[in-house]
Protein backbone atom coordinates (compact mmCIF):
# COMPACT_ATOMS: atom_id res chain seq x y z
CA MET A 1 -115.91 -44.08 -91.21
CA HIS A 2 -112.71 -44.66 -93.17
CA TYR A 3 -109.70 -43.08 -91.50
CA THR A 4 -106.31 -42.29 -93.04
CA GLN A 5 -103.00 -41.27 -91.47
CA ASN A 6 -104.21 -37.66 -91.83
CA ASN A 7 -106.77 -38.39 -89.10
CA ALA A 8 -106.41 -38.62 -85.33
CA PRO A 9 -109.71 -40.24 -84.26
CA LEU A 10 -109.32 -39.90 -80.51
CA TYR A 11 -108.03 -36.33 -80.72
CA GLU A 12 -110.93 -35.43 -83.05
CA ALA A 13 -113.42 -36.99 -80.63
CA MET A 14 -111.89 -34.95 -77.80
CA ILE A 15 -112.36 -31.71 -79.79
CA ASN A 16 -116.01 -32.60 -80.49
CA PHE A 17 -116.58 -33.47 -76.84
CA ARG A 18 -115.20 -30.12 -75.69
CA GLN A 19 -117.51 -28.24 -78.08
CA ASN A 20 -120.56 -30.05 -76.66
CA ARG A 21 -120.09 -28.36 -73.27
CA VAL A 22 -121.11 -31.46 -71.30
CA VAL A 23 -121.98 -30.85 -67.63
CA PRO A 24 -119.61 -33.09 -65.61
CA PHE A 25 -121.10 -35.11 -62.76
CA ASP A 26 -118.30 -37.68 -63.00
CA VAL A 27 -114.61 -37.81 -62.11
CA PRO A 28 -112.06 -36.23 -62.17
CA GLY A 29 -113.12 -34.03 -59.28
CA HIS A 30 -111.38 -30.89 -60.48
CA LYS A 31 -114.29 -30.57 -63.02
CA GLY A 32 -112.35 -29.21 -65.95
CA GLY A 33 -110.03 -27.30 -63.65
CA ARG A 34 -112.70 -25.26 -61.85
CA GLY A 35 -112.04 -27.09 -58.59
CA ASN A 36 -108.31 -26.41 -58.53
CA GLU A 37 -107.35 -22.92 -59.64
CA GLU A 38 -103.63 -23.24 -58.94
CA LEU A 39 -103.36 -26.42 -61.02
CA THR A 40 -105.35 -24.80 -63.84
CA GLU A 41 -103.10 -21.76 -63.80
CA PHE A 42 -100.04 -24.00 -63.93
CA LEU A 43 -101.17 -26.36 -66.71
CA GLY A 44 -103.71 -24.23 -68.57
CA LYS A 45 -107.49 -24.48 -69.06
CA ASN A 46 -107.29 -26.54 -72.24
CA CYS A 47 -105.17 -29.17 -70.52
CA LEU A 48 -107.54 -29.51 -67.55
CA LYS A 49 -110.61 -29.65 -69.80
CA ALA A 50 -108.98 -32.50 -71.74
CA ASP A 51 -108.37 -34.46 -68.52
CA VAL A 52 -111.60 -36.44 -68.65
CA ASN A 53 -113.03 -39.81 -67.71
CA SER A 54 -113.90 -42.75 -69.98
CA MET A 55 -117.38 -42.39 -71.47
CA LYS A 56 -119.24 -43.64 -74.52
CA PRO A 57 -118.22 -40.82 -76.95
CA LEU A 58 -114.56 -41.22 -75.91
CA ASP A 59 -114.34 -45.03 -75.67
CA ASN A 60 -112.51 -47.03 -72.96
CA LEU A 61 -108.87 -48.15 -73.13
CA CYS A 62 -109.53 -51.41 -71.25
CA HIS A 63 -112.04 -52.53 -73.89
CA PRO A 64 -111.84 -50.19 -76.89
CA VAL A 65 -114.68 -50.39 -79.41
CA SER A 66 -114.76 -46.99 -81.13
CA VAL A 67 -112.36 -44.01 -81.30
CA ILE A 68 -109.55 -45.57 -79.23
CA LYS A 69 -109.87 -48.74 -81.31
CA ASP A 70 -109.67 -46.64 -84.49
CA ALA A 71 -106.65 -44.71 -83.18
CA GLN A 72 -104.87 -47.96 -82.28
CA GLU A 73 -105.59 -49.41 -85.72
CA LEU A 74 -104.09 -46.33 -87.37
CA ALA A 75 -101.02 -46.72 -85.13
CA ALA A 76 -100.68 -50.38 -86.18
CA GLU A 77 -100.88 -49.35 -89.83
CA ALA A 78 -98.30 -46.56 -89.39
CA PHE A 79 -95.84 -48.91 -87.68
CA GLY A 80 -96.44 -51.86 -90.01
CA ALA A 81 -97.88 -54.01 -87.21
CA ALA A 82 -100.88 -56.36 -87.15
CA SER A 83 -102.24 -54.59 -84.07
CA ALA A 84 -101.23 -51.96 -81.54
CA PHE A 85 -102.11 -51.05 -77.96
CA PHE A 86 -101.86 -47.64 -76.32
CA ILE A 87 -100.02 -47.94 -73.00
CA VAL A 88 -100.31 -45.23 -70.36
CA ASN A 89 -97.93 -46.60 -67.72
CA GLY A 90 -94.78 -46.14 -69.76
CA THR A 91 -92.76 -48.48 -71.91
CA THR A 92 -92.18 -50.29 -68.63
CA GLY A 93 -95.82 -51.39 -69.03
CA SER A 94 -95.21 -52.41 -72.66
CA VAL A 95 -92.11 -54.48 -71.84
CA GLN A 96 -93.83 -56.20 -68.94
CA ALA A 97 -96.91 -56.97 -71.05
CA MET A 98 -94.66 -58.61 -73.68
CA ILE A 99 -92.89 -60.82 -71.17
CA MET A 100 -96.04 -61.70 -69.23
CA SER A 101 -97.88 -62.54 -72.46
CA ALA A 102 -95.07 -64.80 -73.68
CA THR A 103 -94.17 -66.61 -70.43
CA LYS A 104 -95.59 -67.88 -67.18
CA GLU A 105 -94.01 -69.07 -63.93
CA GLY A 106 -91.06 -71.39 -64.55
CA ASP A 107 -90.78 -70.62 -68.28
CA LYS A 108 -87.42 -69.51 -69.62
CA VAL A 109 -86.84 -66.29 -71.55
CA ILE A 110 -83.53 -65.57 -73.29
CA MET A 111 -82.44 -61.94 -72.92
CA PRO A 112 -79.35 -59.74 -72.85
CA ARG A 113 -78.27 -58.85 -69.33
CA ASN A 114 -78.13 -55.14 -70.23
CA VAL A 115 -81.93 -54.95 -70.30
CA HIS A 116 -83.89 -52.17 -68.67
CA ARG A 117 -85.01 -52.95 -65.12
CA SER A 118 -88.63 -53.23 -66.36
CA ALA A 119 -87.82 -56.56 -68.04
CA ILE A 120 -86.39 -58.10 -64.88
CA ASN A 121 -89.24 -56.57 -62.85
CA ALA A 122 -91.61 -58.59 -65.06
CA LEU A 123 -89.75 -61.76 -64.06
CA VAL A 124 -90.08 -60.81 -60.39
CA VAL A 125 -93.85 -60.60 -60.88
CA ASN A 126 -94.54 -63.62 -63.09
CA GLY A 127 -91.77 -66.00 -62.04
CA ALA A 128 -90.24 -66.70 -65.45
CA LYS A 129 -86.54 -67.61 -65.50
CA PRO A 130 -83.99 -65.42 -67.28
CA VAL A 131 -81.36 -67.02 -69.48
CA TYR A 132 -78.88 -64.19 -69.87
CA VAL A 133 -76.81 -63.65 -72.97
CA ASN A 134 -73.85 -61.52 -72.00
CA PRO A 135 -73.65 -58.67 -74.50
CA GLY A 136 -70.50 -57.82 -76.36
CA VAL A 137 -68.36 -55.25 -74.55
CA ASN A 138 -66.27 -52.43 -75.94
CA ASN A 139 -63.57 -52.13 -73.28
CA LYS A 140 -62.26 -48.79 -74.57
CA LEU A 141 -65.68 -47.20 -74.20
CA GLY A 142 -66.72 -49.27 -71.21
CA ILE A 143 -70.16 -49.99 -72.65
CA PRO A 144 -72.19 -53.14 -73.23
CA LEU A 145 -73.07 -53.68 -76.90
CA GLY A 146 -75.73 -55.81 -78.58
CA MET A 147 -75.96 -59.60 -78.62
CA SER A 148 -73.84 -61.72 -80.94
CA VAL A 149 -75.96 -64.06 -83.11
CA ALA A 150 -73.58 -66.91 -82.18
CA ASP A 151 -74.18 -66.26 -78.46
CA VAL A 152 -77.96 -66.22 -78.96
CA GLU A 153 -77.77 -69.48 -80.93
CA LYS A 154 -75.74 -71.05 -78.12
CA ALA A 155 -78.33 -69.95 -75.54
CA ILE A 156 -81.15 -71.37 -77.69
CA THR A 157 -79.30 -74.68 -78.21
CA GLU A 158 -78.68 -75.00 -74.46
CA ASN A 159 -82.27 -73.98 -73.60
CA PRO A 160 -84.52 -75.44 -76.31
CA ASP A 161 -87.51 -75.17 -73.95
CA ALA A 162 -87.26 -71.36 -73.72
CA LYS A 163 -90.45 -69.57 -74.76
CA ALA A 164 -89.06 -66.29 -76.04
CA VAL A 165 -86.00 -64.21 -76.93
CA LEU A 166 -85.89 -60.53 -75.92
CA ILE A 167 -83.74 -58.11 -77.94
CA ASN A 168 -82.82 -54.44 -77.35
CA ASN A 169 -83.21 -52.40 -80.54
CA PRO A 170 -81.19 -50.22 -80.02
CA THR A 171 -79.40 -50.04 -76.66
CA TYR A 172 -79.45 -46.73 -74.81
CA TYR A 173 -76.12 -45.93 -76.49
CA GLY A 174 -77.53 -46.58 -80.00
CA VAL A 175 -76.00 -50.01 -80.62
CA CYS A 176 -78.06 -52.55 -82.61
CA SER A 177 -77.80 -56.33 -82.81
CA ASP A 178 -78.47 -58.30 -86.02
CA LEU A 179 -82.20 -58.15 -85.36
CA LYS A 180 -83.39 -60.06 -88.42
CA ALA A 181 -81.02 -62.99 -87.82
CA ILE A 182 -82.01 -63.25 -84.14
CA VAL A 183 -85.75 -63.09 -84.94
CA GLU A 184 -85.30 -65.85 -87.55
CA LEU A 185 -83.34 -67.96 -85.04
CA ALA A 186 -86.08 -67.58 -82.43
CA HIS A 187 -88.82 -68.55 -84.90
CA LYS A 188 -86.82 -71.50 -86.20
CA HIS A 189 -86.88 -72.89 -82.64
CA ASN A 190 -90.56 -72.04 -82.02
CA MET A 191 -89.77 -69.13 -79.70
CA LEU A 192 -91.37 -65.69 -79.74
CA ALA A 193 -89.18 -62.71 -80.66
CA LEU A 194 -89.82 -59.76 -78.30
CA VAL A 195 -88.14 -56.42 -78.97
CA ASP A 196 -87.57 -53.56 -76.56
CA GLU A 197 -87.59 -50.51 -78.85
CA ALA A 198 -87.82 -47.92 -76.10
CA HIS A 199 -85.16 -45.93 -77.95
CA GLY A 200 -86.12 -46.88 -81.51
CA THR A 201 -89.43 -45.19 -82.41
CA HIS A 202 -87.70 -43.32 -85.23
CA PHE A 203 -86.59 -46.59 -86.88
CA TYR A 204 -90.15 -46.84 -88.27
CA PHE A 205 -90.25 -43.43 -89.90
CA GLY A 206 -86.73 -42.17 -90.60
CA LYS A 207 -84.78 -42.91 -93.78
CA ASN A 208 -81.63 -45.09 -93.73
CA MET A 209 -82.33 -46.21 -90.16
CA PRO A 210 -81.48 -49.59 -88.62
CA LEU A 211 -84.13 -52.28 -89.18
CA ASN A 212 -87.22 -52.01 -86.96
CA ALA A 213 -88.86 -54.91 -85.15
CA MET A 214 -92.01 -55.24 -87.26
CA ALA A 215 -90.01 -55.16 -90.52
CA ALA A 216 -87.75 -57.85 -89.06
CA GLY A 217 -90.78 -60.10 -88.40
CA ALA A 218 -90.77 -59.83 -84.60
CA ASP A 219 -93.82 -60.94 -82.63
CA MET A 220 -94.03 -57.99 -80.22
CA ALA A 221 -92.27 -54.66 -79.82
CA SER A 222 -92.41 -51.97 -77.14
CA VAL A 223 -92.13 -48.50 -78.64
CA SER A 224 -91.47 -45.56 -76.31
CA MET A 225 -93.36 -42.87 -78.20
CA HIS A 226 -92.59 -40.23 -75.58
CA LYS A 227 -88.85 -40.46 -76.26
CA SER A 228 -88.12 -39.83 -79.93
CA GLY A 229 -91.80 -39.94 -81.02
CA GLY A 230 -92.96 -36.67 -79.48
CA SER A 231 -95.88 -37.81 -77.29
CA LEU A 232 -96.27 -36.97 -73.59
CA THR A 233 -94.00 -38.58 -71.00
CA GLN A 234 -95.27 -42.01 -69.87
CA SER A 235 -97.14 -42.77 -73.10
CA SER A 236 -96.08 -45.83 -75.10
CA ILE A 237 -97.29 -48.24 -77.77
CA LEU A 238 -97.11 -52.04 -77.80
CA LEU A 239 -96.94 -53.46 -81.32
CA LEU A 240 -97.97 -57.01 -82.24
CA GLY A 241 -97.13 -59.18 -85.23
CA PRO A 242 -99.75 -61.34 -87.00
CA ASN A 243 -99.07 -64.56 -85.04
CA VAL A 244 -99.89 -63.19 -81.58
CA ASN A 245 -103.31 -63.44 -79.92
CA ALA A 246 -104.17 -59.76 -79.50
CA GLY A 247 -107.19 -60.50 -77.30
CA TYR A 248 -105.02 -62.37 -74.78
CA VAL A 249 -102.37 -59.63 -74.82
CA ARG A 250 -105.09 -57.07 -74.03
CA GLN A 251 -106.11 -59.18 -71.03
CA VAL A 252 -102.50 -59.30 -69.82
CA ILE A 253 -102.13 -55.52 -70.24
CA ASN A 254 -105.30 -55.05 -68.17
CA LEU A 255 -103.80 -57.02 -65.26
CA THR A 256 -101.57 -54.08 -64.40
CA GLN A 257 -102.64 -51.03 -66.43
CA THR A 258 -104.90 -48.44 -64.84
CA THR A 259 -108.65 -48.50 -65.50
CA SER A 260 -108.53 -44.67 -65.42
CA ALA A 261 -106.42 -44.10 -68.51
CA SER A 262 -105.30 -40.51 -69.06
CA TYR A 263 -106.88 -38.93 -72.14
CA LEU A 264 -104.02 -36.46 -72.18
CA LEU A 265 -101.57 -39.33 -72.70
CA MET A 266 -103.76 -41.21 -75.18
CA SER A 267 -104.51 -38.08 -77.23
CA SER A 268 -100.80 -37.31 -77.36
CA LEU A 269 -100.15 -40.78 -78.78
CA ASP A 270 -102.78 -40.25 -81.46
CA ILE A 271 -101.44 -36.81 -82.42
CA ALA A 272 -97.78 -37.95 -82.31
CA ARG A 273 -98.53 -40.94 -84.55
CA LYS A 274 -100.20 -38.66 -87.09
CA ASN A 275 -97.22 -36.31 -87.01
CA LEU A 276 -94.72 -39.15 -87.50
CA ALA A 277 -96.73 -40.74 -90.30
CA LEU A 278 -96.92 -37.44 -92.18
CA ASN A 279 -93.61 -35.79 -91.25
CA GLY A 280 -91.41 -38.49 -89.71
CA ALA A 281 -88.88 -38.74 -92.54
CA GLU A 282 -88.21 -35.00 -92.39
CA ILE A 283 -88.17 -34.90 -88.56
CA PHE A 284 -85.59 -37.66 -88.19
CA ASP A 285 -83.47 -36.48 -91.10
CA LYS A 286 -83.08 -33.20 -89.20
CA ALA A 287 -82.24 -35.00 -85.94
CA THR A 288 -79.66 -37.20 -87.72
CA LYS A 289 -77.96 -34.20 -89.33
CA TYR A 290 -77.75 -32.41 -85.97
CA ALA A 291 -76.25 -35.50 -84.30
CA GLN A 292 -73.78 -36.11 -87.13
CA TYR A 293 -72.63 -32.48 -87.05
CA ALA A 294 -72.22 -32.57 -83.26
CA ARG A 295 -70.30 -35.86 -83.45
CA CYS A 296 -67.83 -34.37 -85.92
CA GLU A 297 -67.34 -31.15 -83.93
CA ILE A 298 -66.96 -32.91 -80.56
CA ASN A 299 -64.36 -35.29 -81.99
CA SER A 300 -62.34 -32.28 -83.18
CA ILE A 301 -62.12 -31.02 -79.58
CA GLY A 302 -59.91 -33.92 -78.45
CA GLY A 303 -60.32 -35.87 -75.22
CA PHE A 304 -63.96 -36.65 -75.95
CA TYR A 305 -64.91 -39.44 -78.37
CA ALA A 306 -68.38 -39.22 -79.94
CA PHE A 307 -68.58 -42.71 -81.34
CA GLY A 308 -70.66 -43.90 -84.26
CA SER A 309 -70.88 -46.09 -87.34
CA GLU A 310 -67.11 -46.56 -87.55
CA LEU A 311 -67.45 -49.17 -84.77
CA ILE A 312 -69.88 -51.39 -86.72
CA ASP A 313 -68.41 -54.91 -86.82
CA GLY A 314 -71.26 -57.03 -88.25
CA ASP A 315 -71.65 -58.82 -84.90
CA ALA A 316 -72.46 -57.41 -81.43
CA PHE A 317 -72.14 -53.89 -82.90
CA TYR A 318 -74.18 -54.77 -85.99
CA ASN A 319 -75.56 -51.30 -86.64
CA PHE A 320 -75.72 -47.85 -85.06
CA ASP A 321 -78.52 -45.33 -84.50
CA LYS A 322 -77.06 -42.12 -85.94
CA THR A 323 -79.49 -39.92 -83.99
CA LYS A 324 -77.77 -40.91 -80.74
CA LEU A 325 -75.04 -38.56 -79.54
CA SER A 326 -73.11 -40.90 -77.25
CA VAL A 327 -69.79 -39.44 -76.07
CA ASN A 328 -66.99 -41.23 -74.21
CA THR A 329 -65.31 -38.96 -71.65
CA LEU A 330 -62.55 -41.12 -70.14
CA ASP A 331 -59.61 -39.55 -72.02
CA THR A 332 -60.42 -36.23 -70.31
CA GLY A 333 -59.91 -37.89 -66.92
CA LEU A 334 -63.58 -37.24 -66.14
CA ALA A 335 -66.31 -39.81 -65.59
CA GLY A 336 -69.42 -39.35 -67.69
CA ILE A 337 -71.46 -38.54 -64.60
CA GLU A 338 -69.00 -35.75 -63.72
CA VAL A 339 -69.39 -34.17 -67.18
CA TYR A 340 -73.18 -34.59 -66.83
CA ASP A 341 -73.14 -32.71 -63.52
CA ILE A 342 -70.84 -29.93 -64.81
CA LEU A 343 -73.02 -29.39 -67.88
CA ARG A 344 -76.11 -29.00 -65.69
CA ASP A 345 -74.59 -27.01 -62.80
CA GLU A 346 -72.18 -24.75 -64.69
CA TYR A 347 -73.77 -24.43 -68.14
CA ASN A 348 -77.52 -24.99 -67.60
CA ILE A 349 -77.44 -27.85 -70.11
CA GLN A 350 -79.47 -30.94 -69.17
CA ILE A 351 -78.41 -34.06 -71.05
CA GLU A 352 -80.04 -37.50 -70.91
CA PHE A 353 -77.51 -39.29 -68.72
CA GLY A 354 -73.94 -39.73 -67.64
CA ASP A 355 -72.51 -43.06 -66.53
CA LEU A 356 -68.97 -43.91 -65.47
CA GLY A 357 -67.42 -43.43 -68.90
CA ASN A 358 -69.99 -41.80 -71.19
CA ILE A 359 -72.65 -39.16 -71.64
CA LEU A 360 -75.69 -39.24 -73.91
CA ALA A 361 -77.29 -36.13 -75.36
CA TYR A 362 -80.74 -36.93 -76.75
CA ILE A 363 -81.15 -35.20 -80.12
CA SER A 364 -84.51 -34.55 -81.78
CA ALA A 365 -86.08 -32.25 -84.33
CA GLY A 366 -87.17 -30.11 -81.38
CA ASP A 367 -83.54 -29.03 -80.88
CA ARG A 368 -82.16 -25.87 -82.47
CA ALA A 369 -78.80 -25.29 -84.15
CA LEU A 370 -77.87 -22.66 -81.55
CA GLU A 371 -78.37 -25.18 -78.74
CA ILE A 372 -76.23 -27.80 -80.50
CA GLU A 373 -73.45 -25.19 -80.77
CA ARG A 374 -73.89 -24.36 -77.09
CA LEU A 375 -73.38 -28.02 -76.12
CA ILE A 376 -70.28 -28.33 -78.31
CA SER A 377 -68.81 -25.10 -76.88
CA ALA A 378 -69.54 -26.23 -73.30
CA LEU A 379 -67.73 -29.54 -73.84
CA ALA A 380 -64.71 -27.73 -75.31
CA GLU A 381 -64.60 -25.45 -72.26
CA ILE A 382 -65.06 -28.37 -69.85
CA LYS A 383 -62.07 -30.08 -71.43
CA ARG A 384 -59.98 -26.93 -71.01
CA ARG A 385 -61.11 -26.20 -67.44
CA TYR A 386 -61.60 -29.61 -65.86
CA SER A 387 -59.62 -32.31 -67.69
CA LYS A 388 -57.05 -34.20 -65.62
CA ASP A 389 -54.88 -37.30 -65.60
CA LYS A 390 -57.02 -40.33 -66.45
CA THR A 391 -54.99 -42.76 -64.31
CA GLY A 392 -57.27 -44.79 -62.06
CA MET A 393 -60.42 -44.26 -64.12
CA PHE A 394 -62.82 -47.22 -64.02
CA ASP A 395 -62.50 -48.83 -67.43
CA HIS A 396 -65.60 -50.97 -67.85
CA GLU A 397 -69.35 -50.77 -67.40
CA TYR A 398 -70.49 -54.37 -67.67
CA ILE A 399 -69.88 -57.24 -65.26
CA ASN A 400 -71.06 -60.74 -66.18
CA PRO A 401 -73.72 -61.82 -63.66
CA ILE A 402 -73.71 -65.05 -61.65
CA VAL A 403 -77.38 -66.07 -61.34
CA SER A 404 -78.10 -68.19 -58.26
CA LEU A 405 -81.90 -67.81 -57.90
CA THR A 406 -84.77 -66.62 -60.09
CA PRO A 407 -85.57 -62.92 -59.62
CA LYS A 408 -88.98 -63.79 -58.13
CA LYS A 409 -87.63 -66.28 -55.57
CA ALA A 410 -84.86 -63.93 -54.47
CA PHE A 411 -87.05 -60.84 -54.26
CA PHE A 412 -89.73 -62.55 -52.13
CA SER A 413 -87.32 -64.62 -50.00
CA SER A 414 -86.32 -63.99 -46.39
CA LYS A 415 -83.64 -61.30 -46.41
CA GLU A 416 -81.36 -59.49 -44.03
CA LYS A 417 -79.55 -56.16 -44.18
CA MET A 418 -75.77 -56.35 -44.60
CA GLU A 419 -73.10 -53.67 -44.97
CA LEU A 420 -72.18 -53.28 -48.64
CA GLU A 421 -68.45 -53.98 -48.13
CA LYS A 422 -69.27 -57.28 -46.34
CA CYS A 423 -71.62 -58.67 -49.01
CA ASP A 424 -69.03 -60.60 -51.06
CA GLY A 425 -70.38 -64.09 -51.82
CA GLN A 426 -73.96 -63.29 -50.76
CA ILE A 427 -77.04 -63.51 -53.04
CA CYS A 428 -78.66 -60.13 -53.68
CA GLY A 429 -82.35 -59.81 -52.80
CA GLU A 430 -82.98 -56.44 -54.48
CA PHE A 431 -81.96 -54.26 -57.42
CA VAL A 432 -78.97 -51.94 -57.55
CA MET A 433 -78.73 -49.68 -60.60
CA CYS A 434 -77.58 -46.30 -61.84
CA TYR A 435 -80.58 -44.40 -63.15
CA PRO A 436 -80.57 -43.48 -65.92
CA PRO A 437 -79.96 -45.71 -67.84
CA GLY A 438 -81.74 -48.12 -65.48
CA ILE A 439 -79.71 -51.22 -66.37
CA PRO A 440 -79.22 -53.18 -63.12
CA ILE A 441 -75.72 -53.57 -61.70
CA LEU A 442 -77.29 -56.28 -59.53
CA ALA A 443 -80.68 -57.93 -59.92
CA PRO A 444 -82.44 -60.12 -57.35
CA GLY A 445 -80.95 -63.63 -57.35
CA GLU A 446 -77.46 -62.63 -58.50
CA LYS A 447 -74.26 -63.31 -56.56
CA ILE A 448 -72.49 -60.28 -55.09
CA THR A 449 -68.76 -60.24 -55.85
CA LYS A 450 -65.79 -58.05 -54.85
CA GLU A 451 -65.77 -56.62 -58.40
CA ILE A 452 -69.44 -55.58 -58.14
CA ILE A 453 -68.91 -54.04 -54.69
CA SER A 454 -65.95 -52.02 -56.06
CA TYR A 455 -68.09 -50.90 -58.99
CA ILE A 456 -70.93 -49.73 -56.72
CA LEU A 457 -68.52 -47.87 -54.41
CA TYR A 458 -66.86 -46.15 -57.38
CA ALA A 459 -70.22 -45.21 -58.94
CA ARG A 460 -71.37 -43.78 -55.60
CA GLU A 461 -68.12 -41.82 -55.19
CA LYS A 462 -68.46 -40.31 -58.69
CA GLY A 463 -72.03 -39.19 -57.99
CA CYS A 464 -74.12 -41.72 -59.94
CA PHE A 465 -77.77 -41.77 -58.87
CA LEU A 466 -78.03 -45.27 -57.41
CA THR A 467 -81.56 -46.65 -57.10
CA GLY A 468 -83.48 -49.87 -56.39
CA THR A 469 -82.31 -50.51 -52.84
CA GLN A 470 -84.26 -50.28 -49.59
CA ASP A 471 -81.37 -48.28 -48.15
CA MET A 472 -81.62 -44.92 -49.92
CA GLU A 473 -77.92 -44.23 -49.24
CA VAL A 474 -76.84 -47.68 -50.58
CA ASN A 475 -74.59 -48.31 -47.57
CA THR A 476 -76.28 -51.69 -47.08
CA LEU A 477 -77.87 -54.34 -49.29
CA GLN A 478 -80.71 -56.80 -48.67
CA VAL A 479 -79.19 -60.27 -49.06
CA VAL A 480 -81.00 -63.60 -49.24
CA VAL A 481 -81.05 -65.65 -46.03
CA GLU A 482 -80.44 -69.30 -46.92
CA GLU A 483 -83.35 -71.41 -45.64
């Protein structure tokens, strides 16, 4: 059968399956919801009836040969990729599949240090060595930017044996590097170009967007469909260029991905891809207009700075994702995390995250004009009610790491618990990060310094949600015991 972007092969197969009224003597044990009334009442009968097991009419994600294969091929076509894989363990799974397909133990991979924890987790598992490129930093905003092409070239020149270069496109804050130039540099030196596009699904479908990975000639890209793409949480797509062995990548994905893939997640990917292919330009035009309007209104309040394209410099801030509503809060005397908490607790407004100096409101076509106005009004009132002297505010978000051991060696080494304030000079054996955004403050194998300890203490005091440590209160850290 010839499919077009108007089709959703897996979703259509699910509808046919439901109409056949098959008697289920397989898993899941809730049997279409009949075995768990409370769950069925909560999620709905249609949801539970769609929560099925792999079978011949519905294909198998581990080895797709029919409707899942067709759905993945349509996704590849829609995104301009040579092939695509549905991922049901999040874009974490996509990022880790990229790194584990491109490298093995001892291989080097060049990456910005402001990567999501999933990238460094992959190095903990497979033993590859990170070569960090420190991102540009905007000290006024206190945020890490993209990578400078010159810095990537320096890293490549100093590490000609590296196997791959990983690029964020965009960062959580919406900042883009010169993707095309970095991809070309990687290929010129026989390295793979891997792109984390967790926050860039819309680059493939919106008009006047920053360049997407496949258009830039990248080898692999992780696309978080559940963020701006409209699929269910945890569903993702891994895109491949023409020079990558798709069969091997599938084998790598199957090392860690479940053999009981959720048909709810996979169907949502199929339906979301169809929606983006048919309506994406309109959807993201609406989101961009909302974000641009909010940016303008928030900047008229004073105190808050909703930054955007005016910061483009042709280097580490090469381009900007206009759908991102990133707002610096420092001139109000409030940390981003404090504004985040006030918005939720006082105004019933849940934004994406707050860090030490910024907040991010995630804007999509699912938002409504009234809600945008409500956010703007809340920020104006917060400024009036809560702003204070900004003296003593922490003025930067990024600290250059000192890497002493590979993440794998440090994570699996002998470790001991040490009080946080006494850890200066030690090698960290675990992660410390504010989540979201999930960019590690410390990763396994990095040296702990007084500056990092001060940063962690300040983040904890301001109410950041610190994760990654064995000690849930983050009063102590696991440090490497020298053997």
